[in-house]
């Protein structure tokens, strides 16, 4: 599990702000391209972060999904469905752990 309380873009920006600006430009161009389903992209990114155990970025993207009207239960189901697809047992456990508390409303 990552222990940093800051988003990776914040950490990189401390070293190379231009790199982060270019990354954000690239991401925005991709997410706003014709035919791209932004919600589906966010679901994929969020699931990847959960299965990799990147807790802070996972929570950031999970909140974005909530803003896109994806319920906590929907996200939990998608993450747990993908746990079996990852043959690395530690990553699978991390994803299932994040699926439970990651979207609490506290």
C-alpha atoms as a PDB file:
ATOM      1  CA  UNK A   1       0.000   0.000   0.000  1.00  0.00           C
ATOM      2  CA  UNK A   2       1.316   3.429  -0.806  1.00  0.00           C
ATOM      3  CA  UNK A   3       1.745   5.613   2.240  1.00  0.00           C
ATOM      4  CA  UNK A   4       1.972   9.052   0.651  1.00  0.00           C
ATOM      5  CA  UNK A   5      -0.928  11.339   1.480  1.00  0.00           C
ATOM      6  CA  UNK A   6      -0.388  13.388  -1.670  1.00  0.00           C
ATOM      7  CA  UNK A   7      -1.416  12.639  -5.221  1.00  0.00           C
ATOM      8  CA  UNK A   8       1.441  11.518  -7.446  1.00  0.00           C
ATOM      9  CA  UNK A   9       0.953  14.561  -9.661  1.00  0.00           C
ATOM     10  CA  UNK A  10       1.558  16.777  -6.617  1.00  0.00           C
ATOM     11  CA  UNK A  11       4.790  14.941  -5.842  1.00  0.00           C
ATOM     12  CA  UNK A  12       6.012  15.150  -9.445  1.00  0.00           C
ATOM     13  CA  UNK A  13       5.006  18.821  -9.666  1.00  0.00           C
ATOM     14  CA  UNK A  14       7.414  19.535  -6.817  1.00  0.00           C
ATOM     15  CA  UNK A  15      10.235  18.318  -9.039  1.00  0.00           C
ATOM     16  CA  UNK A  16       9.028  19.103 -12.552  1.00  0.00           C
ATOM     17  CA  UNK A  17       5.846  21.201 -12.832  1.00  0.00           C
ATOM     18  CA  UNK A  18       6.089  21.277 -16.630  1.00  0.00           C
ATOM     19  CA  UNK A  19       5.879  17.480 -16.805  1.00  0.00           C
ATOM     20  CA  UNK A  20       2.649  17.551 -14.808  1.00  0.00           C
ATOM     21  CA  UNK A  21       1.205  20.288 -17.006  1.00  0.00           C
ATOM     22  CA  UNK A  22       1.954  18.231 -20.133  1.00  0.00           C
ATOM     23  CA  UNK A  23       0.499  15.088 -18.526  1.00  0.00           C
ATOM     24  CA  UNK A  24      -2.723  16.948 -17.681  1.00  0.00           C
ATOM     25  CA  UNK A  25      -2.930  18.329 -21.234  1.00  0.00           C
ATOM     26  CA  UNK A  26      -2.498  14.816 -22.648  1.00  0.00           C
ATOM     27  CA  UNK A  27      -5.075  13.338 -20.266  1.00  0.00           C
ATOM     28  CA  UNK A  28      -7.613  16.072 -21.022  1.00  0.00           C
ATOM     29  CA  UNK A  29      -7.131  15.594 -24.769  1.00  0.00           C
ATOM     30  CA  UNK A  30      -7.692  11.872 -24.389  1.00  0.00           C
ATOM     31  CA  UNK A  31     -10.690  12.155 -22.082  1.00  0.00           C
ATOM     32  CA  UNK A  32     -12.365  14.768 -24.279  1.00  0.00           C
ATOM     33  CA  UNK A  33     -11.762  12.989 -27.601  1.00  0.00           C
ATOM     34  CA  UNK A  34     -14.852  12.087 -29.632  1.00  0.00           C
ATOM     35  CA  UNK A  35     -16.248   8.672 -28.784  1.00  0.00           C
ATOM     36  CA  UNK A  36     -14.485   8.395 -25.414  1.00  0.00           C
ATOM     37  CA  UNK A  37     -16.654   7.381 -22.474  1.00  0.00           C
ATOM     38  CA  UNK A  38     -15.173   9.403 -19.626  1.00  0.00           C
ATOM     39  CA  UNK A  39     -17.022   7.410 -16.982  1.00  0.00           C
ATOM     40  CA  UNK A  40     -15.699   4.115 -18.322  1.00  0.00           C
ATOM     41  CA  UNK A  41     -12.153   5.510 -18.403  1.00  0.00           C
ATOM     42  CA  UNK A  42     -12.454   6.623 -14.777  1.00  0.00           C
ATOM     43  CA  UNK A  43     -13.813   3.191 -13.776  1.00  0.00           C
ATOM     44  CA  UNK A  44     -10.811   1.483 -15.395  1.00  0.00           C
ATOM     45  CA  UNK A  45      -8.297   3.875 -13.828  1.00  0.00           C
ATOM     46  CA  UNK A  46      -9.904   3.556 -10.404  1.00  0.00           C
ATOM     47  CA  UNK A  47      -9.951  -0.242 -10.559  1.00  0.00           C
ATOM     48  CA  UNK A  48      -6.305  -0.332 -11.605  1.00  0.00           C
ATOM     49  CA  UNK A  49      -5.335   1.888  -8.694  1.00  0.00           C
ATOM     50  CA  UNK A  50      -7.301  -0.282  -6.263  1.00  0.00           C
ATOM     51  CA  UNK A  51      -5.751  -3.508  -7.500  1.00  0.00           C
ATOM     52  CA  UNK A  52      -2.272  -1.985  -7.349  1.00  0.00           C
ATOM     53  CA  UNK A  53      -2.917  -0.806  -3.795  1.00  0.00           C
ATOM     54  CA  UNK A  54      -2.451   2.917  -4.476  1.00  0.00           C
ATOM     55  CA  UNK A  55      -4.832   4.100  -1.791  1.00  0.00           C
ATOM     56  CA  UNK A  56      -4.594   7.893  -2.081  1.00  0.00           C
ATOM     57  CA  UNK A  57      -4.982   8.093  -5.886  1.00  0.00           C
ATOM     58  CA  UNK A  58      -7.705   5.439  -5.657  1.00  0.00           C
ATOM     59  CA  UNK A  59      -9.710   7.641  -3.317  1.00  0.00           C
ATOM     60  CA  UNK A  60      -9.240  10.675  -5.561  1.00  0.00           C
ATOM     61  CA  UNK A  61     -10.548   8.785  -8.590  1.00  0.00           C
ATOM     62  CA  UNK A  62     -13.323   7.118  -6.581  1.00  0.00           C
ATOM     63  CA  UNK A  63     -14.583  10.567  -5.640  1.00  0.00           C
ATOM     64  CA  UNK A  64     -14.521  11.552  -9.311  1.00  0.00           C
ATOM     65  CA  UNK A  65     -16.685   8.522 -10.047  1.00  0.00           C
ATOM     66  CA  UNK A  66     -19.152   9.567  -7.378  1.00  0.00           C
ATOM     67  CA  UNK A  67     -19.372  12.944  -9.165  1.00  0.00           C
ATOM     68  CA  UNK A  68     -20.138  10.994 -12.366  1.00  0.00           C
ATOM     69  CA  UNK A  69     -23.049   9.249 -10.570  1.00  0.00           C
ATOM     70  CA  UNK A  70     -21.349   5.886 -10.056  1.00  0.00           C
ATOM     71  CA  UNK A  71     -22.559   4.545  -6.728  1.00  0.00           C
ATOM     72  CA  UNK A  72     -20.309   3.154  -4.040  1.00  0.00           C
ATOM     73  CA  UNK A  73     -21.924  -0.256  -4.554  1.00  0.00           C
ATOM     74  CA  UNK A  74     -21.325  -0.191  -8.318  1.00  0.00           C
ATOM     75  CA  UNK A  75     -17.654   0.604  -7.851  1.00  0.00           C
ATOM     76  CA  UNK A  76     -17.257  -2.089  -5.192  1.00  0.00           C
ATOM     77  CA  UNK A  77     -18.798  -4.674  -7.534  1.00  0.00           C
ATOM     78  CA  UNK A  78     -16.516  -3.748 -10.427  1.00  0.00           C
ATOM     79  CA  UNK A  79     -13.381  -3.817  -8.271  1.00  0.00           C
ATOM     80  CA  UNK A  80     -14.274  -7.127  -6.662  1.00  0.00           C
ATOM     81  CA  UNK A  81     -15.129  -8.637 -10.053  1.00  0.00           C
ATOM     82  CA  UNK A  82     -11.630  -7.733 -11.259  1.00  0.00           C
ATOM     83  CA  UNK A  83      -9.818  -9.144  -8.238  1.00  0.00           C
ATOM     84  CA  UNK A  84      -9.990 -12.655  -9.693  1.00  0.00           C
ATOM     85  CA  UNK A  85      -8.371 -11.452 -12.907  1.00  0.00           C
ATOM     86  CA  UNK A  86      -5.169 -10.510 -11.137  1.00  0.00           C
ATOM     87  CA  UNK A  87      -3.144 -13.621 -10.461  1.00  0.00           C
ATOM     88  CA  UNK A  88      -0.836 -11.869  -8.015  1.00  0.00           C
ATOM     89  CA  UNK A  89      -2.404 -12.674  -4.624  1.00  0.00           C
ATOM     90  CA  UNK A  90      -1.158  -9.587  -2.778  1.00  0.00           C
ATOM     91  CA  UNK A  91      -2.567  -7.155  -5.319  1.00  0.00           C
ATOM     92  CA  UNK A  92      -5.888  -8.967  -5.275  1.00  0.00           C
ATOM     93  CA  UNK A  93      -6.112  -8.602  -1.489  1.00  0.00           C
ATOM     94  CA  UNK A  94      -5.233  -4.907  -1.731  1.00  0.00           C
ATOM     95  CA  UNK A  95      -7.996  -4.287  -4.243  1.00  0.00           C
ATOM     96  CA  UNK A  96     -10.599  -6.061  -2.152  1.00  0.00           C
ATOM     97  CA  UNK A  97      -9.495  -4.111   0.934  1.00  0.00           C
ATOM     98  CA  UNK A  98      -9.792  -0.788  -0.889  1.00  0.00           C
ATOM     99  CA  UNK A  99     -13.181  -1.714  -2.308  1.00  0.00           C
ATOM    100  CA  UNK A 100     -14.648  -1.895   1.174  1.00  0.00           C
ATOM    101  CA  UNK A 101     -13.593   1.291   2.983  1.00  0.00           C
ATOM    102  CA  UNK A 102     -12.501   3.463   0.055  1.00  0.00           C
ATOM    103  CA  UNK A 103     -15.800   5.213  -0.481  1.00  0.00           C
ATOM    104  CA  UNK A 104     -17.134   5.615   3.033  1.00  0.00           C
ATOM    105  CA  UNK A 105     -19.250   8.674   3.595  1.00  0.00           C
ATOM    106  CA  UNK A 106     -17.549   9.734   6.830  1.00  0.00           C
END
